[in-house]
Amino acid sequence: QVQLVESGGGLAQPGGSLRLSCAASGFSFSTLVMSWYRQAPGKERELVATIGRFGGSTDYAESVKGRFTISRDNVKSTVDLQMNSLKPEDTAVYYCKARIWWNGNEYWGQGTQVTVSS
């Protein structure tokens, strides 16, 4: 069983930055493909960014490319999302997801609220 705890959400002004972090436990972190998703009010949950097991591959939604950076630390068992040049449309609850690479099982964190407003 994988446990995920997100932190770092909050209020930011347009053009500002926030850094989200997700701490994983209960499983070997290097076996997990990690992703960040977000869900805005009234909208479906959408994939924001994914990072491979050893950090060598990353993928981003078009809407965040060039502004967000996903990274991971396999020693600390954490995955971060650095969010720069924030826009009001980035406002959402952000979720961390882990997928075990060899069996596809998925686990979700509880989410952290990000609000971008002046």
C-alpha atoms as a PDB file:
ATOM      1  CA  GLN A   1       0.000   0.000   0.000  1.00  0.00           C
ATOM      2  CA  VAL A   2       1.345   3.392  -1.012  1.00  0.00           C
ATOM      3  CA  GLN A   3       0.619   6.446   1.114  1.00  0.00           C
ATOM      4  CA  LEU A   4       0.942   9.899  -0.441  1.00  0.00           C
ATOM      5  CA  VAL A   5       0.856  13.228   1.377  1.00  0.00           C
ATOM      6  CA  GLU A   6       0.874  16.499  -0.542  1.00  0.00           C
ATOM      7  CA  SER A   7       1.971  19.852   0.816  1.00  0.00           C
ATOM      8  CA  GLY A   8       2.807  23.330  -0.409  1.00  0.00           C
ATOM      9  CA  GLY A   9      -0.498  24.562  -1.732  1.00  0.00           C
ATOM     10  CA  GLY A  10      -1.858  27.989  -0.966  1.00  0.00           C
ATOM     11  CA  LEU A  11      -2.612  31.381  -2.420  1.00  0.00           C
ATOM     12  CA  ALA A  12      -0.436  33.006  -5.061  1.00  0.00           C
ATOM     13  CA  GLN A  13      -0.774  36.100  -7.191  1.00  0.00           C
ATOM     14  CA  PRO A  14      -0.873  35.887 -10.979  1.00  0.00           C
ATOM     15  CA  GLY A  15       2.699  35.624 -12.199  1.00  0.00           C
ATOM     16  CA  GLY A  16       3.819  34.183  -8.893  1.00  0.00           C
ATOM     17  CA  SER A  17       5.227  30.804  -7.942  1.00  0.00           C
ATOM     18  CA  LEU A  18       4.401  27.888  -5.696  1.00  0.00           C
ATOM     19  CA  ARG A  19       6.133  24.598  -5.074  1.00  0.00           C
ATOM     20  CA  LEU A  20       4.143  21.485  -4.286  1.00  0.00           C
ATOM     21  CA  SER A  21       5.657  18.432  -2.691  1.00  0.00           C
ATOM     22  CA  CYS A  22       4.379  14.884  -2.332  1.00  0.00           C
ATOM     23  CA  ALA A  23       5.921  12.470   0.147  1.00  0.00           C
ATOM     24  CA  ALA A  24       5.462   8.758  -0.508  1.00  0.00           C
ATOM     25  CA  SER A  25       5.741   5.861   1.902  1.00  0.00           C
ATOM     26  CA  GLY A  26       4.866   2.197   2.117  1.00  0.00           C
ATOM     27  CA  PHE A  27       6.528   1.095  -1.109  1.00  0.00           C
ATOM     28  CA  SER A  28       9.846   1.260  -2.861  1.00  0.00           C
ATOM     29  CA  PHE A  29       9.790   4.727  -4.385  1.00  0.00           C
ATOM     30  CA  SER A  30      11.891   3.834  -7.407  1.00  0.00           C
ATOM     31  CA  THR A  31       9.198   1.391  -8.543  1.00  0.00           C
ATOM     32  CA  LEU A  32       6.656   4.218  -8.800  1.00  0.00           C
ATOM     33  CA  VAL A  33       5.848   6.378 -11.794  1.00  0.00           C
ATOM     34  CA  MET A  34       4.703   9.671 -10.281  1.00  0.00           C
ATOM     35  CA  SER A  35       2.254  12.213 -11.608  1.00  0.00           C
ATOM     36  CA  TRP A  36       0.523  15.401 -10.632  1.00  0.00           C
ATOM     37  CA  TYR A  37      -3.121  15.949 -11.548  1.00  0.00           C
ATOM     38  CA  ARG A  38      -5.460  18.836 -10.875  1.00  0.00           C
ATOM     39  CA  GLN A  39      -9.178  19.364 -10.674  1.00  0.00           C
ATOM     40  CA  ALA A  40     -10.822  22.751 -10.924  1.00  0.00           C
ATOM     41  CA  PRO A  41     -14.389  23.331  -9.708  1.00  0.00           C
ATOM     42  CA  GLY A  42     -16.889  21.894 -12.152  1.00  0.00           C
ATOM     43  CA  LYS A  43     -14.194  20.317 -14.306  1.00  0.00           C
ATOM     44  CA  GLU A  44     -12.776  16.848 -14.725  1.00  0.00           C
ATOM     45  CA  ARG A  45      -9.476  15.898 -13.177  1.00  0.00           C
ATOM     46  CA  GLU A  46      -6.654  16.438 -15.645  1.00  0.00           C
ATOM     47  CA  LEU A  47      -3.070  15.265 -15.896  1.00  0.00           C
ATOM     48  CA  VAL A  48      -0.541  18.030 -15.281  1.00  0.00           C
ATOM     49  CA  ALA A  49       2.825  16.277 -15.341  1.00  0.00           C
ATOM     50  CA  THR A  50       4.412  12.832 -15.112  1.00  0.00           C
ATOM     51  CA  ILE A  51       7.936  11.743 -14.263  1.00  0.00           C
ATOM     52  CA  GLY A  52       9.513   8.371 -14.839  1.00  0.00           C
ATOM     53  CA  ARG A  53      10.893   6.110 -12.148  1.00  0.00           C
ATOM     54  CA  PHE A  54      14.386   7.573 -12.237  1.00  0.00           C
ATOM     55  CA  GLY A  55      13.547  11.092 -13.350  1.00  0.00           C
ATOM     56  CA  GLY A  56      14.905  10.687 -16.846  1.00  0.00           C
ATOM     57  CA  SER A  57      11.601  11.197 -18.597  1.00  0.00           C
ATOM     58  CA  THR A  58       8.990  13.856 -18.011  1.00  0.00           C
ATOM     59  CA  ASP A  59       5.786  14.841 -19.736  1.00  0.00           C
ATOM     60  CA  TYR A  60       3.584  17.891 -19.330  1.00  0.00           C
ATOM     61  CA  ALA A  61       0.143  19.099 -20.278  1.00  0.00           C
ATOM     62  CA  GLU A  62       0.334  21.714 -23.004  1.00  0.00           C
ATOM     63  CA  SER A  63      -1.231  24.273 -20.691  1.00  0.00           C
ATOM     64  CA  VAL A  64       1.699  24.138 -18.249  1.00  0.00           C
ATOM     65  CA  LYS A  65       4.677  23.509 -20.519  1.00  0.00           C
ATOM     66  CA  GLY A  66       7.453  26.011 -19.905  1.00  0.00           C
ATOM     67  CA  ARG A  67       5.909  27.105 -16.595  1.00  0.00           C
ATOM     68  CA  PHE A  68       5.806  23.964 -14.441  1.00  0.00           C
ATOM     69  CA  THR A  69       8.623  21.551 -13.644  1.00  0.00           C
ATOM     70  CA  ILE A  70       8.219  18.113 -12.110  1.00  0.00           C
ATOM     71  CA  SER A  71      11.120  16.518 -10.272  1.00  0.00           C
ATOM     72  CA  ARG A  72      11.716  13.645  -7.889  1.00  0.00           C
ATOM     73  CA  ASP A  73      14.172  12.582  -5.209  1.00  0.00           C
ATOM     74  CA  ASN A  74      14.396   8.814  -4.910  1.00  0.00           C
ATOM     75  CA  VAL A  75      16.390   9.085  -1.694  1.00  0.00           C
ATOM     76  CA  LYS A  76      13.803  11.233   0.067  1.00  0.00           C
ATOM     77  CA  SER A  77      10.851   9.528  -1.694  1.00  0.00           C
ATOM     78  CA  THR A  78       9.394  12.828  -2.793  1.00  0.00           C
ATOM     79  CA  VAL A  79       8.089  14.318  -5.992  1.00  0.00           C
ATOM     80  CA  ASP A  80       7.806  18.068  -6.433  1.00  0.00           C
ATOM     81  CA  LEU A  81       5.976  20.357  -8.802  1.00  0.00           C
ATOM     82  CA  GLN A  82       7.528  23.790  -9.243  1.00  0.00           C
ATOM     83  CA  MET A  83       4.895  26.136 -10.609  1.00  0.00           C
ATOM     84  CA  ASN A  84       6.001  29.465 -12.058  1.00  0.00           C
ATOM     85  CA  SER A  85       4.188  32.215 -13.932  1.00  0.00           C
ATOM     86  CA  LEU A  86       0.957  31.124 -12.329  1.00  0.00           C
ATOM     87  CA  LYS A  87      -2.341  32.060 -13.929  1.00  0.00           C
ATOM     88  CA  PRO A  88      -5.840  32.241 -12.440  1.00  0.00           C
ATOM     89  CA  GLU A  89      -6.754  29.220 -14.552  1.00  0.00           C
ATOM     90  CA  ASP A  90      -4.199  27.174 -12.608  1.00  0.00           C
ATOM     91  CA  THR A  91      -6.524  27.371  -9.616  1.00  0.00           C
ATOM     92  CA  ALA A  92      -7.468  23.832  -8.652  1.00  0.00           C
ATOM     93  CA  VAL A  93      -6.969  21.064  -6.163  1.00  0.00           C
ATOM     94  CA  TYR A  94      -3.691  19.366  -7.051  1.00  0.00           C
ATOM     95  CA  TYR A  95      -3.296  15.638  -6.516  1.00  0.00           C
ATOM     96  CA  CYS A  96      -0.257  13.420  -6.443  1.00  0.00           C
ATOM     97  CA  LYS A  97      -0.615   9.971  -8.009  1.00  0.00           C
ATOM     98  CA  ALA A  98       1.660   6.972  -7.845  1.00  0.00           C
ATOM     99  CA  ARG A  99       1.525   4.062 -10.271  1.00  0.00           C
ATOM    100  CA  ILE A 100       3.460   0.875  -9.607  1.00  0.00           C
ATOM    101  CA  TRP A 101       5.260   0.280 -12.877  1.00  0.00           C
ATOM    102  CA  TRP A 102       5.040  -3.509 -12.942  1.00  0.00           C
ATOM    103  CA  ASN A 103       1.370  -4.036 -12.057  1.00  0.00           C
ATOM    104  CA  GLY A 104      -0.303  -0.711 -12.807  1.00  0.00           C
ATOM    105  CA  ASN A 105      -1.860  -0.252  -9.372  1.00  0.00           C
ATOM    106  CA  GLU A 106      -2.545   3.403  -8.664  1.00  0.00           C
ATOM    107  CA  TYR A 107      -2.680   5.420  -5.453  1.00  0.00           C
ATOM    108  CA  TRP A 108      -3.759   9.003  -4.834  1.00  0.00           C
ATOM    109  CA  GLY A 109      -2.967  11.651  -2.283  1.00  0.00           C
ATOM    110  CA  GLN A 110      -5.630  13.709  -0.554  1.00  0.00           C
ATOM    111  CA  GLY A 111      -5.003  16.823  -2.628  1.00  0.00           C
ATOM    112  CA  THR A 112      -3.813  20.336  -1.890  1.00  0.00           C
ATOM    113  CA  GLN A 113      -5.578  23.538  -2.880  1.00  0.00           C
ATOM    114  CA  VAL A 114      -3.842  26.042  -5.144  1.00  0.00           C
ATOM    115  CA  THR A 115      -5.530  29.392  -5.650  1.00  0.00           C
ATOM    116  CA  VAL A 116      -4.168  32.017  -8.022  1.00  0.00           C
ATOM    117  CA  SER A 117      -5.798  35.369  -7.492  1.00  0.00           C
ATOM    118  CA  SER A 118      -4.933  39.005  -7.045  1.00  0.00           C
END
